[in-house]
Amino acid sequence: MDSIIQYFESIPSLHRTLFLMGGIIFFWILEGVLPIIHMQYRKVKHAGVNLFFTVTTLLINLAFAFLIVKTSDWVVAQEVGLFQWIADWPLSIKIILGLMVMDFVGAYLIHFIEHKVYWMWKFHVIHHSDENVDTTTALRHHPGESVFRAVFTTLAVLIAGAPIWLVMLYQSISALLSQFNHANLKLPPAIDKLMSHVIVTPAMHRIHHHNEQPLTDTNYGNIFSLWDRLLKTFAFVEPDKVVFGLDVFKRRSGHIGDLLEVPFDKENYHRD
């Protein structure tokens, strides 16, 4: 456990990049071999659009990195937040609880809010506009939404009282799980169902990308499936029955410029 802490306490930027790109490449290849459904689309071109948004997300995260690090340093120094308040508990339990708090605030909560607050939804809609959801869709976030998520990640660090190594561990797991649960990857149904009681699986999350409400407003989780089950936002339909995209999305162009303009175009979509 000490070696894990030491590694994530000073994880090189190159290693973090390898986590991100290695996961994408791994699941991109795997979903080509074991797809839930066979989609007819230009996979490389589709990935190119989504990889553009990866770059914008990385830039936003880089801009917030200083604030997140300083927040982490402050909570440790001032002994603020859950992780600091349960200092005498076994380390393994502290890690799990810390990850759960960060996942709830930094992923589930902001995701839920984006679906309920209209002006935030206008940025999040880019993620849902993808009509060919695969592992690269995990990267498809408008720069405005990346700001929302960076702010809530900072808030998660504050509430969790997370030391920097726990922040880095969380972000690595979060990125990997997002790539996994967006992948067009068919797991044996019994295994997927069993796993979905703990973590968010491809069959579970693809329902969130259904093109119609109310299914669009379910299964918000990223790492832990617990939050959807506890807060009654869990839903399930057969994975091969899901139709991707949005019934509220009017513009069909997949051009990057058009997608960046979506939040500012009142004629582009509506939200009931």
C-alpha atoms as a PDB file:
ATOM      1  CA  MET A   1       0.000   0.000   0.000  1.00  0.00           C
ATOM      2  CA  ASP A   2       2.850   2.385   0.815  1.00  0.00           C
ATOM      3  CA  SER A   3       4.333   1.858  -2.656  1.00  0.00           C
ATOM      4  CA  ILE A   4       0.988   2.789  -4.258  1.00  0.00           C
ATOM      5  CA  ILE A   5       0.829   5.964  -2.183  1.00  0.00           C
ATOM      6  CA  GLN A   6       4.387   6.902  -3.081  1.00  0.00           C
ATOM      7  CA  TYR A   7       3.757   6.265  -6.775  1.00  0.00           C
ATOM      8  CA  PHE A   8       0.600   8.382  -7.014  1.00  0.00           C
ATOM      9  CA  GLU A   9       2.076  11.080  -4.793  1.00  0.00           C
ATOM     10  CA  SER A  10       4.540  11.931  -7.540  1.00  0.00           C
ATOM     11  CA  ILE A  11       3.118  10.250 -10.625  1.00  0.00           C
ATOM     12  CA  PRO A  12       4.887  11.609 -13.733  1.00  0.00           C
ATOM     13  CA  SER A  13       2.790  13.441 -16.311  1.00  0.00           C
ATOM     14  CA  LEU A  14       3.923  10.905 -18.905  1.00  0.00           C
ATOM     15  CA  HIS A  15       2.450   8.073 -16.852  1.00  0.00           C
ATOM     16  CA  ARG A  16      -0.860   9.907 -16.515  1.00  0.00           C
ATOM     17  CA  THR A  17      -0.935  10.388 -20.291  1.00  0.00           C
ATOM     18  CA  LEU A  18      -0.194   6.696 -20.785  1.00  0.00           C
ATOM     19  CA  PHE A  19      -3.094   5.809 -18.445  1.00  0.00           C
ATOM     20  CA  LEU A  20      -5.418   7.945 -20.548  1.00  0.00           C
ATOM     21  CA  MET A  21      -4.267   6.931 -24.012  1.00  0.00           C
ATOM     22  CA  GLY A  22      -3.420   3.341 -23.078  1.00  0.00           C
ATOM     23  CA  GLY A  23      -6.946   2.787 -21.797  1.00  0.00           C
ATOM     24  CA  ILE A  24      -8.504   4.316 -24.906  1.00  0.00           C
ATOM     25  CA  ILE A  25      -6.396   2.172 -27.228  1.00  0.00           C
ATOM     26  CA  PHE A  26      -7.031  -0.994 -25.206  1.00  0.00           C
ATOM     27  CA  PHE A  27     -10.825  -0.624 -25.092  1.00  0.00           C
ATOM     28  CA  TRP A  28     -10.942   0.677 -28.685  1.00  0.00           C
ATOM     29  CA  ILE A  29      -9.335  -2.557 -29.877  1.00  0.00           C
ATOM     30  CA  LEU A  30     -11.340  -4.768 -27.524  1.00  0.00           C
ATOM     31  CA  GLU A  31     -14.713  -3.318 -28.518  1.00  0.00           C
ATOM     32  CA  GLY A  32     -13.819  -4.036 -32.131  1.00  0.00           C
ATOM     33  CA  VAL A  33     -13.527  -7.715 -31.228  1.00  0.00           C
ATOM     34  CA  LEU A  34     -16.410  -8.026 -28.749  1.00  0.00           C
ATOM     35  CA  PRO A  35     -18.993  -5.338 -29.590  1.00  0.00           C
ATOM     36  CA  ILE A  36     -22.444  -5.139 -28.033  1.00  0.00           C
ATOM     37  CA  ILE A  37     -23.720  -4.035 -31.445  1.00  0.00           C
ATOM     38  CA  HIS A  38     -22.015  -3.710 -34.812  1.00  0.00           C
ATOM     39  CA  MET A  39     -22.135  -0.015 -35.722  1.00  0.00           C
ATOM     40  CA  GLN A  40     -21.591   1.171 -39.269  1.00  0.00           C
ATOM     41  CA  TYR A  41     -19.483   4.312 -38.952  1.00  0.00           C
ATOM     42  CA  ARG A  42     -16.048   5.705 -39.733  1.00  0.00           C
ATOM     43  CA  LYS A  43     -14.376   4.686 -36.522  1.00  0.00           C
ATOM     44  CA  VAL A  44     -11.127   6.612 -37.041  1.00  0.00           C
ATOM     45  CA  LYS A  45     -12.861   9.845 -38.127  1.00  0.00           C
ATOM     46  CA  HIS A  46     -15.283   9.511 -35.211  1.00  0.00           C
ATOM     47  CA  ALA A  47     -12.369   9.086 -32.814  1.00  0.00           C
ATOM     48  CA  GLY A  48     -10.670  12.165 -34.262  1.00  0.00           C
ATOM     49  CA  VAL A  49     -13.581  14.439 -33.314  1.00  0.00           C
ATOM     50  CA  ASN A  50     -13.708  13.032 -29.796  1.00  0.00           C
ATOM     51  CA  LEU A  51      -9.937  13.212 -29.386  1.00  0.00           C
ATOM     52  CA  PHE A  52     -10.129  16.943 -30.140  1.00  0.00           C
ATOM     53  CA  PHE A  53     -12.264  17.333 -27.034  1.00  0.00           C
ATOM     54  CA  THR A  54      -9.681  15.323 -25.108  1.00  0.00           C
ATOM     55  CA  VAL A  55      -7.153  18.054 -25.836  1.00  0.00           C
ATOM     56  CA  THR A  56      -9.506  20.810 -24.670  1.00  0.00           C
ATOM     57  CA  THR A  57     -10.271  18.847 -21.494  1.00  0.00           C
ATOM     58  CA  LEU A  58      -6.564  18.367 -20.791  1.00  0.00           C
ATOM     59  CA  LEU A  59      -5.994  22.115 -21.199  1.00  0.00           C
ATOM     60  CA  ILE A  60      -8.834  22.940 -18.809  1.00  0.00           C
ATOM     61  CA  ASN A  61      -7.562  20.407 -16.287  1.00  0.00           C
ATOM     62  CA  LEU A  62      -4.067  21.841 -16.578  1.00  0.00           C
ATOM     63  CA  ALA A  63      -5.445  25.287 -15.822  1.00  0.00           C
ATOM     64  CA  PHE A  64      -7.185  23.931 -12.695  1.00  0.00           C
ATOM     65  CA  ALA A  65      -4.266  21.735 -11.591  1.00  0.00           C
ATOM     66  CA  PHE A  66      -2.727  24.449  -9.408  1.00  0.00           C
ATOM     67  CA  LEU A  67      -6.033  25.060  -7.596  1.00  0.00           C
ATOM     68  CA  ILE A  68      -6.626  21.332  -7.043  1.00  0.00           C
ATOM     69  CA  VAL A  69      -3.106  20.798  -5.681  1.00  0.00           C
ATOM     70  CA  LYS A  70      -3.385  23.813  -3.367  1.00  0.00           C
ATOM     71  CA  THR A  71      -6.801  22.627  -2.160  1.00  0.00           C
ATOM     72  CA  SER A  72      -5.358  19.202  -1.400  1.00  0.00           C
ATOM     73  CA  ASP A  73      -2.401  20.718   0.451  1.00  0.00           C
ATOM     74  CA  TRP A  74      -4.754  22.927   2.463  1.00  0.00           C
ATOM     75  CA  VAL A  75      -7.127  20.156   3.574  1.00  0.00           C
ATOM     76  CA  VAL A  76      -4.173  18.053   4.738  1.00  0.00           C
ATOM     77  CA  ALA A  77      -2.563  20.963   6.599  1.00  0.00           C
ATOM     78  CA  GLN A  78      -5.853  22.035   8.209  1.00  0.00           C
ATOM     79  CA  GLU A  79      -7.126  18.464   8.707  1.00  0.00           C
ATOM     80  CA  VAL A  80     -10.335  19.226   6.854  1.00  0.00           C
ATOM     81  CA  GLY A  81     -12.553  16.656   5.130  1.00  0.00           C
ATOM     82  CA  LEU A  82     -13.565  13.036   5.583  1.00  0.00           C
ATOM     83  CA  PHE A  83     -10.160  11.457   4.946  1.00  0.00           C
ATOM     84  CA  GLN A  84      -8.607  13.665   7.634  1.00  0.00           C
ATOM     85  CA  TRP A  85     -11.403  13.104  10.154  1.00  0.00           C
ATOM     86  CA  ILE A  86     -11.048   9.321  10.015  1.00  0.00           C
ATOM     87  CA  ALA A  87      -7.260   9.367  10.266  1.00  0.00           C
ATOM     88  CA  ASP A  88      -7.175   6.436  12.702  1.00  0.00           C
ATOM     89  CA  TRP A  89      -9.222   4.111  10.485  1.00  0.00           C
ATOM     90  CA  PRO A  90      -7.565   1.336   8.427  1.00  0.00           C
ATOM     91  CA  LEU A  91      -5.959   2.803   5.326  1.00  0.00           C
ATOM     92  CA  SER A  92      -7.821   0.520   2.908  1.00  0.00           C
ATOM     93  CA  ILE A  93     -11.186   1.686   4.265  1.00  0.00           C
ATOM     94  CA  LYS A  94     -10.076   5.316   4.143  1.00  0.00           C
ATOM     95  CA  ILE A  95      -9.071   4.932   0.499  1.00  0.00           C
ATOM     96  CA  ILE A  96     -12.384   3.348  -0.494  1.00  0.00           C
ATOM     97  CA  LEU A  97     -14.426   5.993   1.344  1.00  0.00           C
ATOM     98  CA  GLY A  98     -12.280   8.783  -0.076  1.00  0.00           C
ATOM     99  CA  LEU A  99     -12.744   7.471  -3.611  1.00  0.00           C
ATOM    100  CA  MET A 100     -16.474   7.122  -3.063  1.00  0.00           C
ATOM    101  CA  VAL A 101     -16.835  10.727  -1.883  1.00  0.00           C
ATOM    102  CA  MET A 102     -14.800  12.035  -4.790  1.00  0.00           C
ATOM    103  CA  ASP A 103     -16.752   9.913  -7.261  1.00  0.00           C
ATOM    104  CA  PHE A 104     -20.071  11.133  -5.859  1.00  0.00           C
ATOM    105  CA  VAL A 105     -19.213  14.842  -5.869  1.00  0.00           C
ATOM    106  CA  GLY A 106     -16.818  14.963  -8.814  1.00  0.00           C
ATOM    107  CA  ALA A 107     -18.775  12.682 -11.153  1.00  0.00           C
ATOM    108  CA  TYR A 108     -22.320  11.699 -10.126  1.00  0.00           C
ATOM    109  CA  LEU A 109     -23.446  14.996  -8.568  1.00  0.00           C
ATOM    110  CA  ILE A 110     -22.179  17.326 -11.290  1.00  0.00           C
ATOM    111  CA  HIS A 111     -23.531  14.966 -13.947  1.00  0.00           C
ATOM    112  CA  PHE A 112     -26.964  14.963 -12.303  1.00  0.00           C
ATOM    113  CA  ILE A 113     -26.926  18.761 -12.016  1.00  0.00           C
ATOM    114  CA  GLU A 114     -25.989  19.155 -15.675  1.00  0.00           C
ATOM    115  CA  HIS A 115     -29.146  17.295 -16.602  1.00  0.00           C
ATOM    116  CA  LYS A 116     -31.328  19.454 -14.351  1.00  0.00           C
ATOM    117  CA  VAL A 117     -29.918  22.957 -14.904  1.00  0.00           C
ATOM    118  CA  TYR A 118     -30.745  24.069 -18.427  1.00  0.00           C
ATOM    119  CA  TRP A 119     -27.799  26.379 -19.101  1.00  0.00           C
ATOM    120  CA  MET A 120     -25.404  23.630 -17.967  1.00  0.00           C
ATOM    121  CA  TRP A 121     -27.264  21.039 -20.029  1.00  0.00           C
ATOM    122  CA  LYS A 122     -26.569  23.142 -23.136  1.00  0.00           C
ATOM    123  CA  PHE A 123     -22.874  22.333 -22.715  1.00  0.00           C
ATOM    124  CA  HIS A 124     -23.374  18.705 -21.663  1.00  0.00           C
ATOM    125  CA  VAL A 125     -25.565  18.000 -24.689  1.00  0.00           C
ATOM    126  CA  ILE A 126     -22.397  17.641 -26.800  1.00  0.00           C
ATOM    127  CA  HIS A 127     -21.594  14.445 -24.936  1.00  0.00           C
ATOM    128  CA  HIS A 128     -25.058  13.047 -25.667  1.00  0.00           C
ATOM    129  CA  SER A 129     -25.077  14.081 -29.315  1.00  0.00           C
ATOM    130  CA  ASP A 130     -22.747  11.213 -30.233  1.00  0.00           C
ATOM    131  CA  GLU A 131     -24.745   8.744 -32.311  1.00  0.00           C
ATOM    132  CA  ASN A 132     -21.985   6.120 -32.241  1.00  0.00           C
ATOM    133  CA  VAL A 133     -21.069   5.727 -28.597  1.00  0.00           C
ATOM    134  CA  ASP A 134     -17.780   3.960 -28.092  1.00  0.00           C
ATOM    135  CA  THR A 135     -14.850   4.286 -25.701  1.00  0.00           C
ATOM    136  CA  THR A 136     -13.766   7.609 -27.275  1.00  0.00           C
ATOM    137  CA  THR A 137     -17.132   9.135 -26.294  1.00  0.00           C
ATOM    138  CA  ALA A 138     -15.768   9.239 -22.745  1.00  0.00           C
ATOM    139  CA  LEU A 139     -13.579  12.115 -23.962  1.00  0.00           C
ATOM    140  CA  ARG A 140     -16.348  14.091 -25.679  1.00  0.00           C
ATOM    141  CA  HIS A 141     -16.969  17.071 -23.380  1.00  0.00           C
ATOM    142  CA  HIS A 142     -17.417  20.690 -24.400  1.00  0.00           C
ATOM    143  CA  PRO A 143     -14.718  22.936 -22.837  1.00  0.00           C
ATOM    144  CA  GLY A 144     -17.460  24.636 -20.829  1.00  0.00           C
ATOM    145  CA  GLU A 145     -18.482  21.325 -19.318  1.00  0.00           C
ATOM    146  CA  SER A 146     -14.844  20.548 -18.559  1.00  0.00           C
ATOM    147  CA  VAL A 147     -14.799  23.700 -16.425  1.00  0.00           C
ATOM    148  CA  PHE A 148     -17.896  22.536 -14.519  1.00  0.00           C
ATOM    149  CA  ARG A 149     -16.307  19.177 -13.820  1.00  0.00           C
ATOM    150  CA  ALA A 150     -12.976  20.683 -12.785  1.00  0.00           C
ATOM    151  CA  VAL A 151     -14.789  22.930 -10.293  1.00  0.00           C
ATOM    152  CA  PHE A 152     -16.644  19.960  -8.809  1.00  0.00           C
ATOM    153  CA  THR A 153     -13.438  17.916  -8.701  1.00  0.00           C
ATOM    154  CA  THR A 154     -11.927  20.692  -6.601  1.00  0.00           C
ATOM    155  CA  LEU A 155     -15.018  20.649  -4.379  1.00  0.00           C
ATOM    156  CA  ALA A 156     -14.691  16.852  -4.105  1.00  0.00           C
ATOM    157  CA  VAL A 157     -11.080  17.216  -2.926  1.00  0.00           C
ATOM    158  CA  LEU A 158     -12.244  19.665  -0.267  1.00  0.00           C
ATOM    159  CA  ILE A 159     -15.097  17.492   1.023  1.00  0.00           C
ATOM    160  CA  ALA A 160     -13.110  14.267   0.876  1.00  0.00           C
ATOM    161  CA  GLY A 161     -10.066  15.867   2.516  1.00  0.00           C
ATOM    162  CA  ALA A 162      -8.013  14.096  -0.125  1.00  0.00           C
ATOM    163  CA  PRO A 163      -4.211  14.146  -0.066  1.00  0.00           C
ATOM    164  CA  ILE A 164      -2.680  14.612  -3.499  1.00  0.00           C
ATOM    165  CA  TRP A 165      -1.862  10.922  -3.969  1.00  0.00           C
ATOM    166  CA  LEU A 166      -5.543  10.075  -3.450  1.00  0.00           C
ATOM    167  CA  VAL A 167      -6.530  12.768  -5.961  1.00  0.00           C
ATOM    168  CA  MET A 168      -4.184  11.277  -8.551  1.00  0.00           C
ATOM    169  CA  LEU A 169      -5.428   7.755  -7.810  1.00  0.00           C
ATOM    170  CA  TYR A 170      -9.035   8.900  -8.169  1.00  0.00           C
ATOM    171  CA  GLN A 171      -8.418  10.706 -11.455  1.00  0.00           C
ATOM    172  CA  SER A 172      -6.615   7.691 -12.926  1.00  0.00           C
ATOM    173  CA  ILE A 173      -9.397   5.282 -11.917  1.00  0.00           C
ATOM    174  CA  SER A 174     -12.085   7.729 -13.033  1.00  0.00           C
ATOM    175  CA  ALA A 175     -10.559   8.120 -16.503  1.00  0.00           C
ATOM    176  CA  LEU A 176     -10.124   4.364 -16.922  1.00  0.00           C
ATOM    177  CA  LEU A 177     -13.670   3.543 -15.755  1.00  0.00           C
ATOM    178  CA  SER A 178     -15.154   6.196 -18.019  1.00  0.00           C
ATOM    179  CA  GLN A 179     -13.388   4.643 -20.996  1.00  0.00           C
ATOM    180  CA  PHE A 180     -14.563   1.206 -19.894  1.00  0.00           C
ATOM    181  CA  ASN A 181     -18.215   2.057 -19.332  1.00  0.00           C
ATOM    182  CA  HIS A 182     -18.522   3.969 -22.618  1.00  0.00           C
ATOM    183  CA  ALA A 183     -16.965   1.133 -24.604  1.00  0.00           C
ATOM    184  CA  ASN A 184     -19.134  -0.780 -27.058  1.00  0.00           C
ATOM    185  CA  LEU A 185     -17.954  -3.869 -25.228  1.00  0.00           C
ATOM    186  CA  LYS A 186     -20.063  -6.964 -24.714  1.00  0.00           C
ATOM    187  CA  LEU A 187     -19.411  -8.765 -21.455  1.00  0.00           C
ATOM    188  CA  PRO A 188     -21.160 -12.034 -20.582  1.00  0.00           C
ATOM    189  CA  PRO A 189     -24.563 -10.858 -19.244  1.00  0.00           C
ATOM    190  CA  ALA A 190     -24.153 -12.607 -15.888  1.00  0.00           C
ATOM    191  CA  ILE A 191     -20.725 -11.017 -15.351  1.00  0.00           C
ATOM    192  CA  ASP A 192     -21.914  -7.571 -16.453  1.00  0.00           C
ATOM    193  CA  LYS A 193     -24.894  -7.784 -14.101  1.00  0.00           C
ATOM    194  CA  LEU A 194     -22.726  -8.897 -11.190  1.00  0.00           C
ATOM    195  CA  MET A 195     -20.147  -6.169 -11.818  1.00  0.00           C
ATOM    196  CA  SER A 196     -22.869  -3.521 -12.157  1.00  0.00           C
ATOM    197  CA  HIS A 197     -23.746  -3.940  -8.481  1.00  0.00           C
ATOM    198  CA  VAL A 198     -20.362  -2.393  -7.681  1.00  0.00           C
ATOM    199  CA  ILE A 199     -19.077  -0.433 -10.683  1.00  0.00           C
ATOM    200  CA  VAL A 200     -20.643   1.117 -13.765  1.00  0.00           C
ATOM    201  CA  THR A 201     -20.441  -1.293 -16.707  1.00  0.00           C
ATOM    202  CA  PRO A 202     -20.876  -0.755 -20.469  1.00  0.00           C
ATOM    203  CA  ALA A 203     -24.355  -2.309 -20.488  1.00  0.00           C
ATOM    204  CA  MET A 204     -25.414  -0.057 -17.618  1.00  0.00           C
ATOM    205  CA  HIS A 205     -24.019   3.229 -18.872  1.00  0.00           C
ATOM    206  CA  ARG A 206     -25.079   2.927 -22.509  1.00  0.00           C
ATOM    207  CA  ILE A 207     -28.688   3.304 -21.294  1.00  0.00           C
ATOM    208  CA  HIS A 208     -27.783   6.842 -20.224  1.00  0.00           C
ATOM    209  CA  HIS A 209     -26.983   7.542 -23.883  1.00  0.00           C
ATOM    210  CA  HIS A 210     -30.406   6.438 -25.104  1.00  0.00           C
ATOM    211  CA  ASN A 211     -31.847   9.039 -27.450  1.00  0.00           C
ATOM    212  CA  GLU A 212     -35.074   9.564 -25.500  1.00  0.00           C
ATOM    213  CA  GLN A 213     -36.093  10.678 -22.057  1.00  0.00           C
ATOM    214  CA  PRO A 214     -36.557   9.461 -19.369  1.00  0.00           C
ATOM    215  CA  LEU A 215     -33.730   6.975 -20.024  1.00  0.00           C
ATOM    216  CA  THR A 216     -31.385   9.846 -20.890  1.00  0.00           C
ATOM    217  CA  ASP A 217     -31.823  10.978 -17.267  1.00  0.00           C
ATOM    218  CA  THR A 218     -30.697   7.741 -15.616  1.00  0.00           C
ATOM    219  CA  ASN A 219     -27.437   5.944 -14.761  1.00  0.00           C
ATOM    220  CA  TYR A 220     -25.328   9.028 -14.050  1.00  0.00           C
ATOM    221  CA  GLY A 221     -22.530   7.165 -12.240  1.00  0.00           C
ATOM    222  CA  ASN A 222     -18.952   6.851 -13.412  1.00  0.00           C
ATOM    223  CA  ILE A 223     -17.052   4.571 -11.016  1.00  0.00           C
ATOM    224  CA  PHE A 224     -19.510   3.290  -8.426  1.00  0.00           C
ATOM    225  CA  SER A 225     -23.010   2.179  -9.402  1.00  0.00           C
ATOM    226  CA  LEU A 226     -24.101   2.607  -5.790  1.00  0.00           C
ATOM    227  CA  TRP A 227     -25.218   6.209  -6.246  1.00  0.00           C
ATOM    228  CA  ASP A 228     -27.740   5.437  -8.991  1.00  0.00           C
ATOM    229  CA  ARG A 229     -29.196   2.593  -6.990  1.00  0.00           C
ATOM    230  CA  LEU A 230     -29.422   4.572  -3.739  1.00  0.00           C
ATOM    231  CA  LEU A 231     -30.812   7.719  -5.329  1.00  0.00           C
ATOM    232  CA  LYS A 232     -33.233   5.844  -7.602  1.00  0.00           C
ATOM    233  CA  THR A 233     -31.711   7.006 -10.879  1.00  0.00           C
ATOM    234  CA  PHE A 234     -30.893   3.464 -11.989  1.00  0.00           C
ATOM    235  CA  ALA A 235     -32.571   1.988 -15.056  1.00  0.00           C
ATOM    236  CA  PHE A 236     -32.015  -1.013 -17.270  1.00  0.00           C
ATOM    237  CA  VAL A 237     -33.073  -2.066 -20.743  1.00  0.00           C
ATOM    238  CA  GLU A 238     -31.437  -4.635 -22.964  1.00  0.00           C
ATOM    239  CA  PRO A 239     -28.170  -3.080 -24.207  1.00  0.00           C
ATOM    240  CA  ASP A 240     -28.803  -3.898 -27.862  1.00  0.00           C
ATOM    241  CA  LYS A 241     -32.130  -2.007 -27.721  1.00  0.00           C
ATOM    242  CA  VAL A 242     -30.516   1.355 -26.967  1.00  0.00           C
ATOM    243  CA  VAL A 243     -30.628   3.970 -29.747  1.00  0.00           C
ATOM    244  CA  PHE A 244     -27.868   6.563 -29.386  1.00  0.00           C
ATOM    245  CA  GLY A 245     -28.015  10.316 -29.907  1.00  0.00           C
ATOM    246  CA  LEU A 246     -30.705  12.698 -28.729  1.00  0.00           C
ATOM    247  CA  ASP A 247     -34.273  13.294 -29.793  1.00  0.00           C
ATOM    248  CA  VAL A 248     -33.733  16.914 -28.680  1.00  0.00           C
ATOM    249  CA  PHE A 249     -30.630  17.457 -30.806  1.00  0.00           C
ATOM    250  CA  LYS A 250     -31.412  19.172 -34.102  1.00  0.00           C
ATOM    251  CA  ARG A 251     -28.066  19.867 -35.724  1.00  0.00           C
ATOM    252  CA  ARG A 252     -26.702  16.749 -37.409  1.00  0.00           C
ATOM    253  CA  SER A 253     -23.314  18.116 -38.418  1.00  0.00           C
ATOM    254  CA  GLY A 254     -20.447  16.457 -36.604  1.00  0.00           C
ATOM    255  CA  HIS A 255     -18.018  19.275 -37.359  1.00  0.00           C
ATOM    256  CA  ILE A 256     -16.002  20.429 -34.364  1.00  0.00           C
ATOM    257  CA  GLY A 257     -16.847  24.088 -34.965  1.00  0.00           C
ATOM    258  CA  ASP A 258     -20.568  23.330 -34.992  1.00  0.00           C
ATOM    259  CA  LEU A 259     -20.298  21.296 -31.800  1.00  0.00           C
ATOM    260  CA  LEU A 260     -18.455  24.101 -30.018  1.00  0.00           C
ATOM    261  CA  GLU A 261     -21.252  26.511 -30.980  1.00  0.00           C
ATOM    262  CA  VAL A 262     -24.074  24.294 -29.749  1.00  0.00           C
ATOM    263  CA  PRO A 263     -24.459  25.851 -26.252  1.00  0.00           C
ATOM    264  CA  PHE A 264     -24.948  29.271 -27.832  1.00  0.00           C
ATOM    265  CA  ASP A 265     -27.385  28.264 -30.586  1.00  0.00           C
ATOM    266  CA  LYS A 266     -30.989  28.517 -29.392  1.00  0.00           C
ATOM    267  CA  GLU A 267     -32.320  26.894 -32.557  1.00  0.00           C
ATOM    268  CA  ASN A 268     -30.232  23.784 -32.219  1.00  0.00           C
ATOM    269  CA  TYR A 269     -32.166  21.774 -29.679  1.00  0.00           C
ATOM    270  CA  HIS A 270     -34.663  22.025 -26.887  1.00  0.00           C
ATOM    271  CA  ARG A 271     -34.975  20.418 -23.481  1.00  0.00           C
ATOM    272  CA  ASP A 272     -38.387  19.443 -22.119  1.00  0.00           C
END
